[in-house]
Amino acid sequence: MGKKEKIDRRTIAILCAKCRSLLYRYQKGGRGGLVKCFVERIVEDRTEGDLKCQKCGQEFAREQMMSGRPAHKIIQGKVFTRGMLRK
């Protein structure tokens, strides 16, 4: 019998690096950095779905299919996060 893995998920805030406005609340899994956001894990979306900040207009992600699921590929340096574990 295999051991069941405990899924490490927490809700983080994803903010625009330029104007500091809230873009998403997202359920992050794992310990690594934020590279992509799977669409089904986005809890709250404040961007109207155009992947641009509503305050300053900066594009922060691109749409892409990853592992057969729709995802938003984050452009590094355009966002920062709150709620990530730090070690």
C-alpha atoms as a PDB file:
ATOM      1  CA  MET A   1       0.000   0.000   0.000  1.00  0.00           C
ATOM      2  CA  GLY A   2       1.284   3.401  -0.961  1.00  0.00           C
ATOM      3  CA  LYS A   3       1.438   6.296   1.421  1.00  0.00           C
ATOM      4  CA  LYS A   4      -1.047   9.102   0.662  1.00  0.00           C
ATOM      5  CA  GLU A   5       0.560  12.446  -0.023  1.00  0.00           C
ATOM      6  CA  LYS A   6      -0.671  15.460   1.879  1.00  0.00           C
ATOM      7  CA  ILE A   7      -1.294  18.323  -0.530  1.00  0.00           C
ATOM      8  CA  ASP A   8       0.405  21.492   0.692  1.00  0.00           C
ATOM      9  CA  ARG A   9      -1.927  24.263  -0.513  1.00  0.00           C
ATOM     10  CA  ARG A  10      -2.299  27.774   0.790  1.00  0.00           C
ATOM     11  CA  THR A  11      -3.962  30.909  -0.505  1.00  0.00           C
ATOM     12  CA  ILE A  12      -1.518  33.631  -1.543  1.00  0.00           C
ATOM     13  CA  ALA A  13      -2.015  37.162  -2.832  1.00  0.00           C
ATOM     14  CA  ILE A  14      -0.455  38.039  -6.200  1.00  0.00           C
ATOM     15  CA  LEU A  15       0.182  41.767  -6.609  1.00  0.00           C
ATOM     16  CA  CYS A  16       1.441  44.016  -9.407  1.00  0.00           C
ATOM     17  CA  ALA A  17       5.126  44.890  -8.923  1.00  0.00           C
ATOM     18  CA  LYS A  18       4.673  48.355 -10.442  1.00  0.00           C
ATOM     19  CA  CYS A  19       1.637  49.774  -8.604  1.00  0.00           C
ATOM     20  CA  ARG A  20       1.124  47.196  -5.799  1.00  0.00           C
ATOM     21  CA  SER A  21      -2.551  46.511  -6.631  1.00  0.00           C
ATOM     22  CA  LEU A  22      -4.075  43.075  -5.986  1.00  0.00           C
ATOM     23  CA  LEU A  23      -4.381  40.929  -9.119  1.00  0.00           C
ATOM     24  CA  TYR A  24      -5.300  37.456  -7.805  1.00  0.00           C
ATOM     25  CA  ARG A  25      -5.884  35.362  -4.754  1.00  0.00           C
ATOM     26  CA  TYR A  26      -4.499  31.947  -5.716  1.00  0.00           C
ATOM     27  CA  GLN A  27      -4.259  28.497  -4.117  1.00  0.00           C
ATOM     28  CA  LYS A  28      -0.549  27.695  -4.410  1.00  0.00           C
ATOM     29  CA  GLY A  29       0.702  24.142  -4.103  1.00  0.00           C
ATOM     30  CA  GLY A  30       4.287  23.149  -3.339  1.00  0.00           C
ATOM     31  CA  ARG A  31       7.236  25.099  -2.039  1.00  0.00           C
ATOM     32  CA  GLY A  32       8.768  26.503  -5.228  1.00  0.00           C
ATOM     33  CA  GLY A  33       8.491  29.961  -6.690  1.00  0.00           C
ATOM     34  CA  LEU A  34       5.487  31.205  -8.616  1.00  0.00           C
ATOM     35  CA  VAL A  35       5.910  30.288 -12.304  1.00  0.00           C
ATOM     36  CA  LYS A  36       2.346  29.609 -13.422  1.00  0.00           C
ATOM     37  CA  CYS A  37      -1.203  29.915 -12.144  1.00  0.00           C
ATOM     38  CA  PHE A  38      -3.669  27.197 -13.097  1.00  0.00           C
ATOM     39  CA  VAL A  39      -7.006  28.850 -13.895  1.00  0.00           C
ATOM     40  CA  GLU A  40      -9.073  26.455 -11.756  1.00  0.00           C
ATOM     41  CA  ARG A  41      -7.037  27.377  -8.644  1.00  0.00           C
ATOM     42  CA  ILE A  42      -7.656  31.144  -8.885  1.00  0.00           C
ATOM     43  CA  VAL A  43      -9.929  32.011  -5.951  1.00  0.00           C
ATOM     44  CA  GLU A  44     -10.432  35.717  -6.718  1.00  0.00           C
ATOM     45  CA  ASP A  45      -9.610  37.444 -10.016  1.00  0.00           C
ATOM     46  CA  ARG A  46      -9.524  41.246 -10.154  1.00  0.00           C
ATOM     47  CA  THR A  47      -8.155  41.576 -13.701  1.00  0.00           C
ATOM     48  CA  GLU A  48     -11.280  41.072 -15.864  1.00  0.00           C
ATOM     49  CA  GLY A  49      -9.431  38.169 -17.540  1.00  0.00           C
ATOM     50  CA  ASP A  50      -7.157  40.240 -19.809  1.00  0.00           C
ATOM     51  CA  LEU A  51      -3.923  39.453 -17.856  1.00  0.00           C
ATOM     52  CA  LYS A  52      -3.158  43.142 -17.368  1.00  0.00           C
ATOM     53  CA  CYS A  53      -3.152  45.199 -14.199  1.00  0.00           C
ATOM     54  CA  GLN A  54      -6.346  47.258 -13.985  1.00  0.00           C
ATOM     55  CA  LYS A  55      -4.555  50.239 -12.412  1.00  0.00           C
ATOM     56  CA  CYS A  56      -1.376  50.676 -14.471  1.00  0.00           C
ATOM     57  CA  GLY A  57      -2.056  48.474 -17.534  1.00  0.00           C
ATOM     58  CA  GLN A  58       1.115  46.368 -17.218  1.00  0.00           C
ATOM     59  CA  GLU A  59       0.873  42.862 -18.725  1.00  0.00           C
ATOM     60  CA  PHE A  60       1.912  40.337 -16.049  1.00  0.00           C
ATOM     61  CA  ALA A  61       1.153  36.911 -17.636  1.00  0.00           C
ATOM     62  CA  ARG A  62       0.449  35.000 -20.850  1.00  0.00           C
ATOM     63  CA  GLU A  63      -2.160  32.308 -21.509  1.00  0.00           C
ATOM     64  CA  GLN A  64      -0.747  28.831 -22.068  1.00  0.00           C
ATOM     65  CA  MET A  65      -1.764  25.160 -21.844  1.00  0.00           C
ATOM     66  CA  MET A  66       0.302  23.235 -19.280  1.00  0.00           C
ATOM     67  CA  SER A  67      -0.252  19.538 -18.543  1.00  0.00           C
ATOM     68  CA  GLY A  68      -3.459  19.708 -20.586  1.00  0.00           C
ATOM     69  CA  ARG A  69      -4.946  22.453 -18.387  1.00  0.00           C
ATOM     70  CA  PRO A  70      -5.272  26.202 -19.051  1.00  0.00           C
ATOM     71  CA  ALA A  71      -2.749  28.259 -17.097  1.00  0.00           C
ATOM     72  CA  HIS A  72      -1.380  31.786 -16.846  1.00  0.00           C
ATOM     73  CA  LYS A  73       2.404  31.812 -17.301  1.00  0.00           C
ATOM     74  CA  ILE A  74       3.748  34.567 -15.046  1.00  0.00           C
ATOM     75  CA  ILE A  75       6.257  37.047 -16.518  1.00  0.00           C
ATOM     76  CA  GLN A  76       8.982  37.148 -13.868  1.00  0.00           C
ATOM     77  CA  GLY A  77       9.550  40.536 -12.267  1.00  0.00           C
ATOM     78  CA  LYS A  78       6.043  41.793 -13.057  1.00  0.00           C
ATOM     79  CA  VAL A  79       4.391  40.431  -9.881  1.00  0.00           C
ATOM     80  CA  PHE A  80       5.230  39.785  -6.266  1.00  0.00           C
ATOM     81  CA  THR A  81       3.479  37.598  -3.740  1.00  0.00           C
ATOM     82  CA  ARG A  82       2.308  37.725  -0.150  1.00  0.00           C
ATOM     83  CA  GLY A  83       1.639  34.585   1.849  1.00  0.00           C
ATOM     84  CA  MET A  84       4.462  32.399   0.518  1.00  0.00           C
ATOM     85  CA  LEU A  85       6.529  30.391   2.995  1.00  0.00           C
ATOM     86  CA  ARG A  86      10.021  31.776   3.501  1.00  0.00           C
ATOM     87  CA  LYS A  87      12.986  29.710   4.730  1.00  0.00           C
END
